[in-house]
Amino acid sequence: MAVSIDGGGGDRKKPLNADLNLVPYIDLLTCMVAFLLITAVWTQLARLKVDQRGQGPADEINQAADEAIKRYPFIDASRQAAGGASYGGHLTNWLAVSTDRYRALVSHAGLYDLKTQWTTSDIAYSRERGLGGPPWEGKAVWKEQSPFWQTKKLKTPILLSFGERDFRVPYNNGLEFFMLLQRQQVESRLVIYPDENHWILKGEDSRYFYQEVRDWLATHYE
C-alpha cells in the first residue's frame, strides 16, 4: 500500500504531482490521505494548529494507514510506502524522521528545515508571521516542527525531487536534505528538473517523474 499525502492549500485544482494513483505498471494499492490541518487550511483552526504542522498531521497519516489495514485484510501491512508534494513533501520528510513503518518514501518540493525554506522562499513574510516571529526570537516551533533537528533518526530510503525554478521551496532545500541523507548513509536519490517550478507541468517531465517513482517503489517493494 502507498499512502498518497495531500499537498495542502486552498486550491483543490493543483497539478497531480506525487499522486501515487498515477504510478504506472506496478501492483499498488493507494490510500489517499487528507488531514485536519489541510481541511482547515486558511481558517482560524489552521492558524491555531501551526505548532503541530509536522507531528500532528504525520500522526493522522499513520492512523489512516492503520485504519485502511484494519478495514481491508488484503492489504499487506509489511509493504507500505508514502509520498507527497509541497506540504505533502514536507510531511513525507517528517515521516522520514519519525517512523520506520514505510519501506520507501517519495518527497517532491518538500522543505526539510523550516529556517532554510524561510530564508530562500517567496513566502518568507507569511512563514515568519505564521510561526510567530523569526527563529532567533526563540520560538520552539522552529525546531520542534522542523525535520532537520531529528536527522539522526533517518532510516527509510527516500526519493527526492525538485524544480530548479521553484521559488516556494527552492531546490537548495533538496541539496541540503540529500547531503544529510548521504551523511547518515541512508539510501536516497535526488532528481532536479531544470525547467520546472513548484509543480511539474511539462508532459515529458511528468512522464519521467512517475517513471522514477515507479522504479523507486518497485525496487523497495521486492
N, C-alpha and C. Protein backbone atom coordinates (compact mmCIF):
# COMPACT_ATOMS: atom_id res chain seq x y z
N MET A 1 0.84 -1.19 0.00
CA MET A 1 0.00 0.00 0.00
C MET A 1 0.88 1.24 0.00
N ALA A 2 0.49 2.23 -0.80
CA ALA A 2 1.18 3.51 -0.84
C ALA A 2 0.23 4.59 -0.33
N VAL A 3 0.67 5.34 0.66
CA VAL A 3 -0.11 6.43 1.22
C VAL A 3 0.23 7.70 0.45
N SER A 4 -0.75 8.27 -0.25
CA SER A 4 -0.56 9.47 -1.04
C SER A 4 -1.05 10.66 -0.23
N ILE A 5 -0.13 11.57 0.13
CA ILE A 5 -0.40 12.62 1.10
C ILE A 5 -0.79 13.91 0.39
N ASP A 6 -1.90 14.51 0.81
CA ASP A 6 -2.39 15.77 0.25
C ASP A 6 -1.35 16.87 0.42
N GLY A 7 -1.23 17.73 -0.62
CA GLY A 7 -0.24 18.79 -0.58
C GLY A 7 -0.68 20.08 0.06
N GLY A 8 -1.96 20.21 0.40
CA GLY A 8 -2.41 21.37 1.14
C GLY A 8 -2.75 22.57 0.28
N GLY A 9 -3.13 23.65 0.93
CA GLY A 9 -3.51 24.88 0.25
C GLY A 9 -4.99 24.93 -0.05
N GLY A 10 -5.46 26.11 -0.38
CA GLY A 10 -6.88 26.29 -0.61
C GLY A 10 -7.35 25.86 -1.97
N ASP A 11 -6.44 25.73 -2.94
CA ASP A 11 -6.84 25.41 -4.31
C ASP A 11 -6.83 23.91 -4.51
N ARG A 12 -7.98 23.31 -4.72
CA ARG A 12 -8.09 21.86 -4.88
C ARG A 12 -7.87 21.43 -6.33
N LYS A 13 -7.43 22.36 -7.21
CA LYS A 13 -7.25 22.03 -8.62
C LYS A 13 -5.76 22.07 -9.00
N LYS A 14 -4.90 21.76 -8.05
CA LYS A 14 -3.47 21.78 -8.32
C LYS A 14 -3.09 20.63 -9.25
N PRO A 15 -1.96 20.75 -9.95
CA PRO A 15 -1.48 19.64 -10.77
C PRO A 15 -1.25 18.40 -9.92
N LEU A 16 -1.39 17.24 -10.53
CA LEU A 16 -1.28 15.98 -9.79
C LEU A 16 0.18 15.57 -9.66
N ASN A 17 0.92 16.26 -8.82
CA ASN A 17 2.30 15.90 -8.53
C ASN A 17 2.34 14.96 -7.34
N ALA A 18 3.12 13.90 -7.46
CA ALA A 18 3.28 12.91 -6.40
C ALA A 18 1.95 12.26 -6.03
N ASP A 19 1.00 12.20 -6.97
CA ASP A 19 -0.22 11.43 -6.76
C ASP A 19 0.12 9.98 -7.10
N LEU A 20 0.23 9.15 -6.09
CA LEU A 20 0.70 7.79 -6.30
C LEU A 20 -0.31 6.93 -7.04
N ASN A 21 -1.54 7.44 -7.25
CA ASN A 21 -2.51 6.73 -8.09
C ASN A 21 -2.03 6.64 -9.53
N LEU A 22 -1.13 7.56 -9.93
CA LEU A 22 -0.72 7.65 -11.33
C LEU A 22 0.55 6.87 -11.63
N VAL A 23 1.09 6.18 -10.65
CA VAL A 23 2.31 5.40 -10.87
C VAL A 23 1.99 4.23 -11.79
N PRO A 24 2.71 4.09 -12.92
CA PRO A 24 2.35 3.07 -13.92
C PRO A 24 2.92 1.69 -13.64
N TYR A 25 2.19 0.67 -14.06
CA TYR A 25 2.72 -0.68 -14.19
C TYR A 25 3.32 -1.25 -12.91
N ILE A 26 2.60 -1.08 -11.81
CA ILE A 26 3.06 -1.68 -10.56
C ILE A 26 1.82 -2.07 -9.77
N ASP A 27 1.89 -3.23 -9.11
CA ASP A 27 0.80 -3.73 -8.29
C ASP A 27 0.75 -2.91 -7.01
N LEU A 28 -0.07 -1.85 -7.02
CA LEU A 28 -0.01 -0.86 -5.96
C LEU A 28 -1.42 -0.43 -5.55
N LEU A 29 -1.73 -0.56 -4.27
CA LEU A 29 -2.97 -0.02 -3.71
C LEU A 29 -2.65 1.32 -3.09
N THR A 30 -3.43 2.35 -3.44
CA THR A 30 -3.15 3.70 -2.96
C THR A 30 -4.20 4.14 -1.94
N CYS A 31 -3.72 4.67 -0.84
CA CYS A 31 -4.58 5.25 0.19
C CYS A 31 -4.38 6.75 0.16
N MET A 32 -5.42 7.50 -0.22
CA MET A 32 -5.35 8.96 -0.29
C MET A 32 -5.68 9.55 1.08
N VAL A 33 -4.81 10.43 1.58
CA VAL A 33 -4.98 10.96 2.92
C VAL A 33 -5.01 12.48 2.90
N ALA A 34 -6.11 13.05 3.43
CA ALA A 34 -6.17 14.47 3.76
C ALA A 34 -6.43 14.54 5.26
N PHE A 35 -5.85 15.52 5.93
CA PHE A 35 -5.89 15.53 7.38
C PHE A 35 -6.46 16.84 7.87
N LEU A 36 -6.65 16.95 9.18
CA LEU A 36 -7.36 18.09 9.75
C LEU A 36 -6.74 19.42 9.37
N LEU A 37 -5.41 19.54 9.41
CA LEU A 37 -4.77 20.81 9.11
C LEU A 37 -5.01 21.21 7.66
N ILE A 38 -5.08 20.24 6.74
CA ILE A 38 -5.35 20.54 5.33
C ILE A 38 -6.80 20.99 5.15
N THR A 39 -7.74 20.25 5.72
CA THR A 39 -9.15 20.59 5.51
C THR A 39 -9.51 21.90 6.19
N ALA A 40 -8.69 22.34 7.13
CA ALA A 40 -8.95 23.60 7.82
C ALA A 40 -8.06 24.73 7.32
N VAL A 41 -7.38 24.53 6.21
CA VAL A 41 -6.38 25.49 5.78
C VAL A 41 -6.99 26.87 5.58
N TRP A 42 -6.19 27.90 5.93
CA TRP A 42 -6.57 29.30 5.86
C TRP A 42 -7.70 29.67 6.84
N THR A 43 -8.01 28.81 7.78
CA THR A 43 -9.02 29.12 8.79
C THR A 43 -8.35 29.37 10.11
N GLN A 44 -9.11 29.85 11.07
CA GLN A 44 -8.56 30.08 12.40
C GLN A 44 -8.03 28.79 12.99
N LEU A 45 -8.70 27.67 12.72
CA LEU A 45 -8.26 26.39 13.25
C LEU A 45 -6.87 26.05 12.73
N ALA A 46 -6.63 26.32 11.46
CA ALA A 46 -5.32 26.04 10.89
C ALA A 46 -4.25 26.88 11.58
N ARG A 47 -4.55 28.14 11.84
CA ARG A 47 -3.58 29.01 12.50
C ARG A 47 -3.30 28.53 13.92
N LEU A 48 -4.34 28.04 14.59
CA LEU A 48 -4.15 27.56 15.95
C LEU A 48 -3.28 26.31 16.00
N LYS A 49 -3.27 25.54 14.92
CA LYS A 49 -2.54 24.28 14.90
C LYS A 49 -1.18 24.40 14.22
N VAL A 50 -0.68 25.60 14.00
CA VAL A 50 0.57 25.76 13.28
C VAL A 50 1.73 25.13 14.03
N ASP A 51 1.62 25.05 15.36
CA ASP A 51 2.71 24.45 16.12
C ASP A 51 2.69 22.93 16.04
N GLN A 52 1.72 22.37 15.28
CA GLN A 52 1.65 20.93 15.06
C GLN A 52 1.75 20.59 13.58
N ARG A 53 2.37 21.46 12.79
CA ARG A 53 2.38 21.31 11.34
C ARG A 53 3.11 20.04 10.89
N GLY A 54 3.95 19.47 11.73
CA GLY A 54 4.67 18.25 11.36
C GLY A 54 4.11 17.03 12.06
N GLN A 55 4.30 16.95 13.36
CA GLN A 55 3.96 15.73 14.09
C GLN A 55 2.47 15.44 14.10
N GLY A 56 1.63 16.48 14.27
CA GLY A 56 0.19 16.23 14.33
C GLY A 56 -0.36 15.58 13.08
N PRO A 57 -0.20 16.21 11.90
CA PRO A 57 -0.67 15.58 10.66
C PRO A 57 0.03 14.25 10.36
N ALA A 58 1.31 14.13 10.70
CA ALA A 58 2.02 12.86 10.46
C ALA A 58 1.36 11.73 11.25
N ASP A 59 0.96 12.02 12.47
CA ASP A 59 0.25 11.01 13.27
C ASP A 59 -1.06 10.61 12.61
N GLU A 60 -1.77 11.60 12.04
CA GLU A 60 -3.03 11.30 11.36
C GLU A 60 -2.81 10.43 10.13
N ILE A 61 -1.72 10.68 9.42
CA ILE A 61 -1.39 9.87 8.24
C ILE A 61 -1.18 8.42 8.65
N ASN A 62 -0.42 8.20 9.70
CA ASN A 62 -0.18 6.84 10.17
C ASN A 62 -1.46 6.18 10.66
N GLN A 63 -2.32 6.96 11.31
CA GLN A 63 -3.61 6.44 11.78
C GLN A 63 -4.49 6.03 10.60
N ALA A 64 -4.45 6.83 9.53
CA ALA A 64 -5.23 6.50 8.34
C ALA A 64 -4.74 5.19 7.72
N ALA A 65 -3.42 5.02 7.67
CA ALA A 65 -2.86 3.78 7.13
C ALA A 65 -3.26 2.59 8.01
N ASP A 66 -3.23 2.78 9.32
CA ASP A 66 -3.64 1.71 10.23
C ASP A 66 -5.11 1.34 10.02
N GLU A 67 -5.95 2.36 9.81
CA GLU A 67 -7.37 2.11 9.61
C GLU A 67 -7.62 1.36 8.31
N ALA A 68 -6.89 1.73 7.25
CA ALA A 68 -7.04 1.02 5.97
C ALA A 68 -6.64 -0.45 6.12
N ILE A 69 -5.57 -0.69 6.82
CA ILE A 69 -5.11 -2.08 7.04
C ILE A 69 -6.13 -2.87 7.86
N LYS A 70 -6.73 -2.20 8.83
CA LYS A 70 -7.75 -2.84 9.67
C LYS A 70 -9.00 -3.19 8.86
N ARG A 71 -9.41 -2.27 7.98
CA ARG A 71 -10.65 -2.48 7.23
C ARG A 71 -10.50 -3.47 6.08
N TYR A 72 -9.33 -3.50 5.47
CA TYR A 72 -9.16 -4.29 4.25
C TYR A 72 -8.07 -5.34 4.46
N PRO A 73 -8.46 -6.56 4.75
CA PRO A 73 -7.48 -7.60 5.10
C PRO A 73 -6.55 -7.99 3.96
N PHE A 74 -6.87 -7.60 2.72
CA PHE A 74 -5.98 -7.94 1.61
C PHE A 74 -4.75 -7.03 1.55
N ILE A 75 -4.71 -5.98 2.35
CA ILE A 75 -3.53 -5.10 2.37
C ILE A 75 -2.40 -5.78 3.13
N ASP A 76 -1.24 -5.81 2.53
CA ASP A 76 -0.04 -6.36 3.17
C ASP A 76 0.62 -5.27 4.01
N ALA A 77 0.46 -5.35 5.32
CA ALA A 77 0.98 -4.31 6.22
C ALA A 77 2.49 -4.23 6.22
N SER A 78 3.15 -5.25 5.71
CA SER A 78 4.62 -5.25 5.69
C SER A 78 5.18 -4.53 4.47
N ARG A 79 4.28 -4.10 3.56
CA ARG A 79 4.73 -3.44 2.32
C ARG A 79 4.01 -2.10 2.20
N GLN A 80 4.49 -1.11 2.93
CA GLN A 80 3.90 0.22 2.90
C GLN A 80 4.92 1.24 2.39
N ALA A 81 4.40 2.23 1.67
CA ALA A 81 5.21 3.37 1.22
C ALA A 81 4.36 4.62 1.39
N ALA A 82 4.98 5.78 1.28
CA ALA A 82 4.24 7.04 1.40
C ALA A 82 4.94 8.11 0.59
N GLY A 83 4.16 9.11 0.16
CA GLY A 83 4.75 10.19 -0.60
C GLY A 83 3.80 11.35 -0.78
N GLY A 84 4.36 12.51 -1.12
CA GLY A 84 3.55 13.69 -1.37
C GLY A 84 4.40 14.81 -1.93
N ALA A 85 3.72 15.91 -2.29
CA ALA A 85 4.40 17.06 -2.86
C ALA A 85 4.01 18.31 -2.11
N SER A 86 4.90 19.31 -2.11
CA SER A 86 4.69 20.57 -1.43
C SER A 86 4.56 20.30 0.07
N TYR A 87 3.45 20.71 0.69
CA TYR A 87 3.29 20.38 2.11
C TYR A 87 3.26 18.87 2.32
N GLY A 88 2.73 18.14 1.33
CA GLY A 88 2.78 16.69 1.40
C GLY A 88 4.20 16.17 1.38
N GLY A 89 5.09 16.89 0.67
CA GLY A 89 6.50 16.54 0.68
C GLY A 89 7.14 16.82 2.04
N HIS A 90 6.76 17.96 2.64
CA HIS A 90 7.25 18.28 3.98
C HIS A 90 6.84 17.21 4.97
N LEU A 91 5.58 16.75 4.89
CA LEU A 91 5.12 15.71 5.80
C LEU A 91 5.80 14.38 5.52
N THR A 92 6.10 14.12 4.26
CA THR A 92 6.87 12.91 3.93
C THR A 92 8.24 12.98 4.60
N ASN A 93 8.86 14.16 4.55
CA ASN A 93 10.15 14.33 5.21
C ASN A 93 10.02 14.16 6.72
N TRP A 94 8.89 14.59 7.27
CA TRP A 94 8.67 14.37 8.69
C TRP A 94 8.53 12.88 9.01
N LEU A 95 7.84 12.14 8.15
CA LEU A 95 7.74 10.69 8.35
C LEU A 95 9.12 10.04 8.32
N ALA A 96 10.02 10.60 7.52
CA ALA A 96 11.37 10.03 7.41
C ALA A 96 12.12 10.07 8.72
N VAL A 97 11.77 11.03 9.60
CA VAL A 97 12.49 11.15 10.87
C VAL A 97 11.64 10.73 12.07
N SER A 98 10.42 10.24 11.82
CA SER A 98 9.54 9.93 12.95
C SER A 98 9.01 8.50 12.96
N THR A 99 9.23 7.75 11.88
CA THR A 99 8.75 6.36 11.85
C THR A 99 9.58 5.55 10.86
N ASP A 100 9.63 4.24 11.09
CA ASP A 100 10.30 3.35 10.13
C ASP A 100 9.31 2.33 9.57
N ARG A 101 8.03 2.65 9.60
CA ARG A 101 7.00 1.72 9.15
C ARG A 101 6.94 1.59 7.62
N TYR A 102 7.46 2.59 6.91
CA TYR A 102 7.37 2.60 5.45
C TYR A 102 8.65 2.05 4.82
N ARG A 103 8.48 1.23 3.79
CA ARG A 103 9.64 0.69 3.09
C ARG A 103 10.35 1.74 2.26
N ALA A 104 9.58 2.69 1.74
CA ALA A 104 10.16 3.74 0.89
C ALA A 104 9.30 4.98 0.96
N LEU A 105 9.93 6.14 0.69
CA LEU A 105 9.23 7.41 0.69
C LEU A 105 9.54 8.16 -0.60
N VAL A 106 8.60 9.02 -1.01
CA VAL A 106 8.76 9.86 -2.20
C VAL A 106 8.38 11.28 -1.82
N SER A 107 9.34 12.20 -1.91
CA SER A 107 9.10 13.58 -1.49
C SER A 107 9.42 14.54 -2.64
N HIS A 108 8.40 15.28 -3.09
CA HIS A 108 8.62 16.30 -4.12
C HIS A 108 8.37 17.68 -3.53
N ALA A 109 9.33 18.59 -3.73
CA ALA A 109 9.20 20.00 -3.33
C ALA A 109 8.83 20.13 -1.86
N GLY A 110 9.46 19.32 -1.03
CA GLY A 110 9.17 19.35 0.39
C GLY A 110 10.30 19.98 1.19
N LEU A 111 9.97 20.91 2.08
CA LEU A 111 11.02 21.51 2.90
C LEU A 111 11.47 20.52 3.96
N TYR A 112 12.74 20.61 4.34
CA TYR A 112 13.29 19.76 5.39
C TYR A 112 13.65 20.58 6.62
N ASP A 113 14.07 21.80 6.41
CA ASP A 113 14.41 22.67 7.52
C ASP A 113 13.61 23.97 7.37
N LEU A 114 12.81 24.30 8.35
CA LEU A 114 11.97 25.50 8.27
C LEU A 114 12.81 26.76 8.04
N LYS A 115 13.95 26.86 8.70
CA LYS A 115 14.77 28.05 8.54
C LYS A 115 15.33 28.16 7.14
N THR A 116 15.77 27.05 6.56
CA THR A 116 16.31 27.07 5.20
C THR A 116 15.27 27.54 4.21
N GLN A 117 14.05 27.00 4.33
CA GLN A 117 13.00 27.41 3.41
C GLN A 117 12.61 28.87 3.62
N TRP A 118 12.54 29.28 4.87
CA TRP A 118 12.16 30.67 5.18
C TRP A 118 13.13 31.67 4.56
N THR A 119 14.42 31.40 4.61
CA THR A 119 15.41 32.36 4.14
C THR A 119 15.52 32.43 2.62
N THR A 120 14.90 31.51 1.89
CA THR A 120 15.05 31.49 0.43
C THR A 120 13.73 31.48 -0.32
N SER A 121 12.62 31.41 0.38
CA SER A 121 11.32 31.23 -0.27
C SER A 121 10.65 32.55 -0.63
N ASP A 122 9.68 32.47 -1.54
CA ASP A 122 8.88 33.64 -1.89
C ASP A 122 7.77 33.91 -0.88
N ILE A 123 7.67 33.09 0.16
CA ILE A 123 6.68 33.32 1.21
C ILE A 123 7.37 33.56 2.56
N ALA A 124 8.53 34.22 2.51
CA ALA A 124 9.29 34.47 3.74
C ALA A 124 8.46 35.21 4.78
N TYR A 125 7.70 36.22 4.34
CA TYR A 125 6.93 37.02 5.30
C TYR A 125 5.84 36.17 5.97
N SER A 126 5.07 35.44 5.17
CA SER A 126 3.98 34.66 5.75
C SER A 126 4.50 33.52 6.62
N ARG A 127 5.66 32.95 6.25
CA ARG A 127 6.24 31.90 7.09
C ARG A 127 6.62 32.46 8.46
N GLU A 128 7.30 33.61 8.46
CA GLU A 128 7.69 34.22 9.73
C GLU A 128 6.47 34.59 10.56
N ARG A 129 5.50 35.18 9.92
CA ARG A 129 4.27 35.57 10.63
C ARG A 129 3.55 34.35 11.19
N GLY A 130 3.47 33.28 10.39
CA GLY A 130 2.77 32.08 10.82
C GLY A 130 3.44 31.38 11.98
N LEU A 131 4.76 31.52 12.08
CA LEU A 131 5.49 30.85 13.16
C LEU A 131 5.77 31.78 14.34
N GLY A 132 5.19 32.96 14.30
CA GLY A 132 5.26 33.84 15.45
C GLY A 132 6.51 34.67 15.58
N GLY A 133 7.25 34.85 14.48
CA GLY A 133 8.46 35.65 14.52
C GLY A 133 9.64 34.90 13.96
N PRO A 134 10.80 35.56 13.81
CA PRO A 134 11.98 34.92 13.25
C PRO A 134 12.57 33.89 14.23
N PRO A 135 13.37 32.95 13.73
CA PRO A 135 13.89 31.88 14.58
C PRO A 135 14.74 32.35 15.74
N TRP A 136 15.41 33.51 15.62
CA TRP A 136 16.29 33.95 16.70
C TRP A 136 15.54 34.49 17.90
N GLU A 137 14.21 34.61 17.76
CA GLU A 137 13.42 35.02 18.92
C GLU A 137 13.08 33.84 19.82
N GLY A 138 13.51 32.66 19.43
CA GLY A 138 13.43 31.51 20.32
C GLY A 138 12.13 30.75 20.34
N LYS A 139 11.25 30.97 19.34
CA LYS A 139 10.01 30.20 19.29
C LYS A 139 10.32 28.71 19.08
N ALA A 140 9.79 27.86 19.94
CA ALA A 140 10.12 26.44 19.91
C ALA A 140 9.71 25.77 18.61
N VAL A 141 8.66 26.29 17.95
CA VAL A 141 8.15 25.64 16.75
C VAL A 141 9.21 25.53 15.66
N TRP A 142 10.15 26.48 15.59
CA TRP A 142 11.18 26.46 14.55
C TRP A 142 12.01 25.18 14.61
N LYS A 143 12.19 24.62 15.78
CA LYS A 143 12.93 23.37 15.92
C LYS A 143 12.02 22.17 16.07
N GLU A 144 10.97 22.32 16.86
CA GLU A 144 10.12 21.18 17.16
C GLU A 144 9.39 20.64 15.94
N GLN A 145 9.10 21.51 14.95
CA GLN A 145 8.37 21.07 13.77
C GLN A 145 9.24 21.09 12.51
N SER A 146 10.54 21.05 12.68
CA SER A 146 11.47 21.04 11.55
C SER A 146 12.21 19.70 11.54
N PRO A 147 12.02 18.87 10.50
CA PRO A 147 12.66 17.56 10.47
C PRO A 147 14.18 17.59 10.64
N PHE A 148 14.80 18.69 10.23
CA PHE A 148 16.26 18.80 10.31
C PHE A 148 16.80 18.40 11.68
N TRP A 149 16.11 18.82 12.74
CA TRP A 149 16.60 18.60 14.09
C TRP A 149 16.41 17.17 14.56
N GLN A 150 15.81 16.34 13.72
CA GLN A 150 15.66 14.91 14.02
C GLN A 150 16.46 14.05 13.03
N THR A 151 17.44 14.65 12.39
CA THR A 151 18.17 13.98 11.31
C THR A 151 18.77 12.65 11.74
N LYS A 152 19.19 12.53 12.98
CA LYS A 152 19.83 11.29 13.44
C LYS A 152 18.88 10.09 13.36
N LYS A 153 17.59 10.34 13.20
CA LYS A 153 16.60 9.26 13.14
C LYS A 153 16.34 8.78 11.71
N LEU A 154 16.98 9.38 10.71
CA LEU A 154 16.74 8.99 9.32
C LEU A 154 17.13 7.52 9.08
N LYS A 155 16.21 6.78 8.46
CA LYS A 155 16.48 5.38 8.13
C LYS A 155 15.88 4.97 6.79
N THR A 156 14.69 5.48 6.48
CA THR A 156 13.91 4.98 5.35
C THR A 156 14.44 5.51 4.02
N PRO A 157 14.61 4.63 3.02
CA PRO A 157 15.02 5.09 1.67
C PRO A 157 14.02 6.12 1.13
N ILE A 158 14.55 7.18 0.52
CA ILE A 158 13.67 8.26 0.07
C ILE A 158 14.14 8.83 -1.27
N LEU A 159 13.16 9.03 -2.15
CA LEU A 159 13.39 9.67 -3.45
C LEU A 159 12.99 11.13 -3.33
N LEU A 160 13.91 12.04 -3.64
CA LEU A 160 13.66 13.47 -3.59
C LEU A 160 13.61 14.06 -4.99
N SER A 161 12.74 15.03 -5.22
CA SER A 161 12.73 15.74 -6.49
C SER A 161 12.33 17.19 -6.27
N PHE A 162 12.91 18.06 -7.11
CA PHE A 162 12.66 19.50 -7.02
C PHE A 162 12.71 20.12 -8.40
N GLY A 163 11.99 21.22 -8.58
CA GLY A 163 12.10 22.01 -9.79
C GLY A 163 13.11 23.12 -9.57
N GLU A 164 14.01 23.31 -10.55
CA GLU A 164 15.05 24.32 -10.39
C GLU A 164 14.46 25.74 -10.39
N ARG A 165 13.26 25.91 -10.92
CA ARG A 165 12.61 27.22 -10.95
C ARG A 165 11.57 27.39 -9.84
N ASP A 166 11.66 26.56 -8.84
CA ASP A 166 10.72 26.61 -7.72
C ASP A 166 11.15 27.72 -6.76
N PHE A 167 10.27 28.71 -6.54
CA PHE A 167 10.56 29.78 -5.60
C PHE A 167 9.83 29.60 -4.27
N ARG A 168 8.95 28.61 -4.20
CA ARG A 168 8.23 28.34 -2.95
C ARG A 168 9.10 27.49 -2.01
N VAL A 169 9.61 26.40 -2.55
CA VAL A 169 10.58 25.56 -1.82
C VAL A 169 11.78 25.38 -2.76
N PRO A 170 12.68 26.35 -2.80
CA PRO A 170 13.80 26.30 -3.74
C PRO A 170 14.63 25.03 -3.58
N TYR A 171 15.28 24.64 -4.67
CA TYR A 171 15.93 23.33 -4.67
C TYR A 171 17.14 23.25 -3.75
N ASN A 172 17.58 24.38 -3.18
CA ASN A 172 18.62 24.29 -2.16
C ASN A 172 18.14 23.46 -0.96
N ASN A 173 16.81 23.44 -0.75
CA ASN A 173 16.24 22.59 0.30
C ASN A 173 16.53 21.12 0.02
N GLY A 174 16.46 20.74 -1.26
CA GLY A 174 16.76 19.37 -1.63
C GLY A 174 18.23 19.04 -1.52
N LEU A 175 19.08 19.98 -1.90
CA LEU A 175 20.52 19.76 -1.78
C LEU A 175 20.91 19.55 -0.31
N GLU A 176 20.32 20.35 0.56
CA GLU A 176 20.60 20.21 1.99
C GLU A 176 20.15 18.85 2.50
N PHE A 177 18.92 18.48 2.19
CA PHE A 177 18.38 17.21 2.69
C PHE A 177 19.17 16.02 2.12
N PHE A 178 19.48 16.07 0.84
CA PHE A 178 20.22 14.97 0.22
C PHE A 178 21.60 14.81 0.85
N MET A 179 22.27 15.93 1.13
CA MET A 179 23.58 15.85 1.77
C MET A 179 23.47 15.16 3.14
N LEU A 180 22.43 15.51 3.89
CA LEU A 180 22.25 14.91 5.21
C LEU A 180 21.93 13.42 5.10
N LEU A 181 21.13 13.04 4.12
CA LEU A 181 20.84 11.62 3.89
C LEU A 181 22.11 10.85 3.57
N GLN A 182 22.95 11.43 2.72
CA GLN A 182 24.21 10.78 2.38
C GLN A 182 25.13 10.71 3.59
N ARG A 183 25.14 11.77 4.37
CA ARG A 183 25.97 11.80 5.56
C ARG A 183 25.55 10.70 6.54
N GLN A 184 24.23 10.46 6.62
CA GLN A 184 23.70 9.44 7.52
C GLN A 184 23.66 8.06 6.87
N GLN A 185 24.16 7.98 5.64
CA GLN A 185 24.24 6.71 4.90
C GLN A 185 22.86 6.07 4.73
N VAL A 186 21.89 6.91 4.39
CA VAL A 186 20.53 6.45 4.10
C VAL A 186 20.36 6.40 2.59
N GLU A 187 19.86 5.30 2.08
CA GLU A 187 19.65 5.15 0.63
C GLU A 187 18.74 6.27 0.13
N SER A 188 19.18 6.99 -0.88
CA SER A 188 18.41 8.14 -1.35
C SER A 188 18.81 8.50 -2.77
N ARG A 189 17.92 9.24 -3.43
CA ARG A 189 18.15 9.70 -4.79
C ARG A 189 17.54 11.09 -4.93
N LEU A 190 18.26 12.00 -5.56
CA LEU A 190 17.79 13.36 -5.78
C LEU A 190 17.69 13.63 -7.28
N VAL A 191 16.51 14.07 -7.74
CA VAL A 191 16.29 14.39 -9.15
C VAL A 191 15.85 15.86 -9.24
N ILE A 192 16.60 16.64 -10.03
CA ILE A 192 16.28 18.05 -10.24
C ILE A 192 15.74 18.24 -11.65
N TYR A 193 14.62 18.96 -11.78
CA TYR A 193 14.02 19.24 -13.08
C TYR A 193 14.32 20.70 -13.45
N PRO A 194 15.25 20.96 -14.37
CA PRO A 194 15.72 22.33 -14.65
C PRO A 194 14.64 23.29 -15.12
N ASP A 195 13.61 22.80 -15.81
CA ASP A 195 12.60 23.69 -16.40
C ASP A 195 11.30 23.75 -15.60
N GLU A 196 11.28 23.13 -14.43
CA GLU A 196 10.02 23.07 -13.67
C GLU A 196 10.06 23.99 -12.46
N ASN A 197 8.87 24.35 -11.97
CA ASN A 197 8.77 25.17 -10.78
C ASN A 197 8.29 24.33 -9.61
N HIS A 198 7.37 24.84 -8.80
CA HIS A 198 6.90 24.08 -7.64
C HIS A 198 6.15 22.83 -8.05
N TRP A 199 5.54 22.89 -9.22
CA TRP A 199 4.82 21.74 -9.77
C TRP A 199 5.46 21.33 -11.09
N ILE A 200 5.44 20.05 -11.38
CA ILE A 200 5.95 19.55 -12.65
C ILE A 200 4.83 19.63 -13.66
N LEU A 201 4.97 20.50 -14.65
CA LEU A 201 3.88 20.79 -15.57
C LEU A 201 4.12 20.27 -16.99
N LYS A 202 5.35 20.09 -17.40
CA LYS A 202 5.64 19.64 -18.76
C LYS A 202 5.38 18.14 -18.88
N GLY A 203 4.76 17.75 -20.00
CA GLY A 203 4.36 16.36 -20.17
C GLY A 203 5.49 15.36 -20.06
N GLU A 204 6.60 15.63 -20.74
CA GLU A 204 7.71 14.68 -20.72
C GLU A 204 8.35 14.61 -19.34
N ASP A 205 8.43 15.75 -18.65
CA ASP A 205 8.97 15.74 -17.29
C ASP A 205 8.06 14.96 -16.35
N SER A 206 6.76 15.10 -16.54
CA SER A 206 5.81 14.36 -15.71
C SER A 206 5.95 12.85 -15.94
N ARG A 207 6.08 12.47 -17.21
CA ARG A 207 6.27 11.05 -17.51
C ARG A 207 7.53 10.52 -16.84
N TYR A 208 8.62 11.31 -16.92
CA TYR A 208 9.88 10.89 -16.31
C TYR A 208 9.74 10.81 -14.79
N PHE A 209 9.03 11.78 -14.21
CA PHE A 209 8.83 11.80 -12.76
C PHE A 209 8.15 10.51 -12.29
N TYR A 210 7.04 10.16 -12.95
CA TYR A 210 6.30 8.98 -12.49
C TYR A 210 7.05 7.68 -12.78
N GLN A 211 7.89 7.68 -13.79
CA GLN A 211 8.73 6.51 -14.02
C GLN A 211 9.76 6.38 -12.90
N GLU A 212 10.31 7.51 -12.47
CA GLU A 212 11.25 7.49 -11.34
C GLU A 212 10.56 6.95 -10.08
N VAL A 213 9.35 7.43 -9.83
CA VAL A 213 8.61 6.97 -8.66
C VAL A 213 8.31 5.48 -8.78
N ARG A 214 7.90 5.07 -9.97
CA ARG A 214 7.59 3.65 -10.19
C ARG A 214 8.80 2.78 -9.90
N ASP A 215 9.94 3.15 -10.44
CA ASP A 215 11.16 2.36 -10.26
C ASP A 215 11.58 2.32 -8.79
N TRP A 216 11.43 3.46 -8.11
CA TRP A 216 11.81 3.52 -6.69
C TRP A 216 10.95 2.61 -5.84
N LEU A 217 9.63 2.69 -6.05
CA LEU A 217 8.73 1.86 -5.27
C LEU A 217 8.87 0.38 -5.60
N ALA A 218 9.02 0.08 -6.89
CA ALA A 218 9.17 -1.32 -7.28
C ALA A 218 10.42 -1.93 -6.66
N THR A 219 11.49 -1.18 -6.62
CA THR A 219 12.74 -1.68 -6.02
C THR A 219 12.56 -2.01 -4.56
N HIS A 220 11.80 -1.19 -3.84
CA HIS A 220 11.70 -1.38 -2.39
C HIS A 220 10.50 -2.20 -1.98
N TYR A 221 9.68 -2.58 -2.95
CA TYR A 221 8.58 -3.50 -2.65
C TYR A 221 8.99 -4.96 -2.85
N GLU A 222 10.11 -5.18 -3.50
CA GLU A 222 10.52 -6.57 -3.79
C GLU A 222 10.95 -7.27 -2.51
